[in-house]
Protein backbone atom coordinates (compact mmCIF):
# COMPACT_ATOMS: atom_id res chain seq x y z
CA UNK A 1 200.93 -124.27 -108.59
CA UNK A 2 203.24 -121.67 -106.99
CA UNK A 3 205.58 -124.61 -106.37
CA UNK A 4 205.59 -125.56 -110.15
CA UNK A 5 206.28 -122.34 -111.87
CA UNK A 6 209.79 -121.98 -110.41
CA UNK A 7 211.02 -125.78 -111.06
CA UNK A 8 212.15 -124.79 -114.47
CA UNK A 9 215.04 -122.73 -113.14
CA UNK A 10 216.66 -125.95 -111.44
CA UNK A 11 218.04 -127.12 -114.43
CA UNK A 12 218.72 -123.39 -116.25
CA UNK A 13 215.36 -123.18 -118.24
CA UNK A 14 213.17 -120.42 -118.91
CA UNK A 15 209.36 -120.03 -120.07
CA UNK A 16 209.01 -118.16 -123.42
CA UNK A 17 204.99 -118.37 -122.99
CA UNK A 18 202.86 -118.97 -120.16
CA UNK A 19 199.01 -118.64 -120.91
CA UNK A 20 197.95 -115.90 -122.91
CA UNK A 21 195.74 -115.40 -126.21
CA UNK A 22 196.45 -117.45 -128.41
CA UNK A 23 194.53 -118.39 -132.31
CA UNK A 24 194.40 -121.54 -134.11
CA UNK A 25 194.74 -120.73 -138.00
CA UNK A 26 194.65 -124.66 -139.13
CA UNK A 27 194.13 -127.62 -137.91
CA UNK A 28 192.08 -128.96 -135.38
CA UNK A 29 193.42 -128.62 -132.18
CA UNK A 30 192.15 -126.13 -129.81
CA UNK A 31 194.38 -125.73 -126.81
CA UNK A 32 192.80 -124.09 -123.90
CA UNK A 33 196.52 -122.58 -122.51
CA UNK A 34 199.93 -123.19 -124.00
CA UNK A 35 202.78 -123.20 -122.13
CA UNK A 36 206.57 -123.22 -123.84
CA UNK A 37 209.40 -123.48 -121.69
CA UNK A 38 213.11 -123.21 -123.59
CA UNK A 39 215.45 -125.55 -121.79
CA UNK A 40 219.40 -125.75 -122.42
CA UNK A 41 219.37 -129.11 -124.11
CA UNK A 42 217.14 -132.29 -124.44
CA UNK A 43 219.13 -133.69 -121.51
CA UNK A 44 218.41 -130.89 -119.14
CA UNK A 45 214.44 -131.34 -120.05
CA UNK A 46 214.30 -134.89 -119.37
CA UNK A 47 216.47 -134.17 -115.91
CA UNK A 48 213.74 -132.06 -115.14
CA UNK A 49 211.10 -134.24 -116.63
CA UNK A 50 212.21 -137.18 -114.70
CA UNK A 51 213.36 -135.41 -111.60
CA UNK A 52 212.59 -135.64 -108.18
CA UNK A 53 211.07 -132.03 -108.28
CA UNK A 54 208.75 -132.10 -111.21
CA UNK A 55 207.57 -135.90 -110.32
CA UNK A 56 206.80 -134.75 -107.01
CA UNK A 57 204.73 -132.04 -107.99
CA UNK A 58 203.14 -133.79 -111.11
CA UNK A 59 199.80 -134.84 -109.56
CA UNK A 60 199.49 -131.17 -108.71
CA UNK A 61 199.67 -130.57 -112.91
CA UNK A 62 197.63 -133.87 -113.66
CA UNK A 63 194.49 -132.83 -111.05
CA UNK A 64 194.07 -129.43 -112.66
CA UNK A 65 194.27 -130.49 -115.96
CA UNK A 66 195.30 -132.51 -119.27
CA UNK A 67 198.16 -131.83 -120.77
CA UNK A 68 200.45 -132.65 -124.14
CA UNK A 69 204.03 -132.42 -123.79
CA UNK A 70 206.36 -132.40 -126.70
CA UNK A 71 210.23 -131.90 -126.78
CA UNK A 72 211.45 -130.31 -130.07
CA UNK A 73 215.02 -130.15 -130.52
CA UNK A 74 216.72 -127.39 -132.55
CA UNK A 75 214.31 -124.30 -132.03
CA UNK A 76 216.28 -121.20 -132.33
């Protein structure tokens, strides 16, 4: 996982949240862990996700957990 953590830097992204305590106040979604990244654009996200660095490391994440990935435009 050490190789995955710096990978977003390649496209100018930064971690806003990586783990930490959280509490669900409504709904039935109970994530074990949250990771929130800020990318400069949707294009930068897609470049990262589809790029050789992340795709080459994705098997590591898949072996450790299940994930739900969501892109949201306009977060300010």
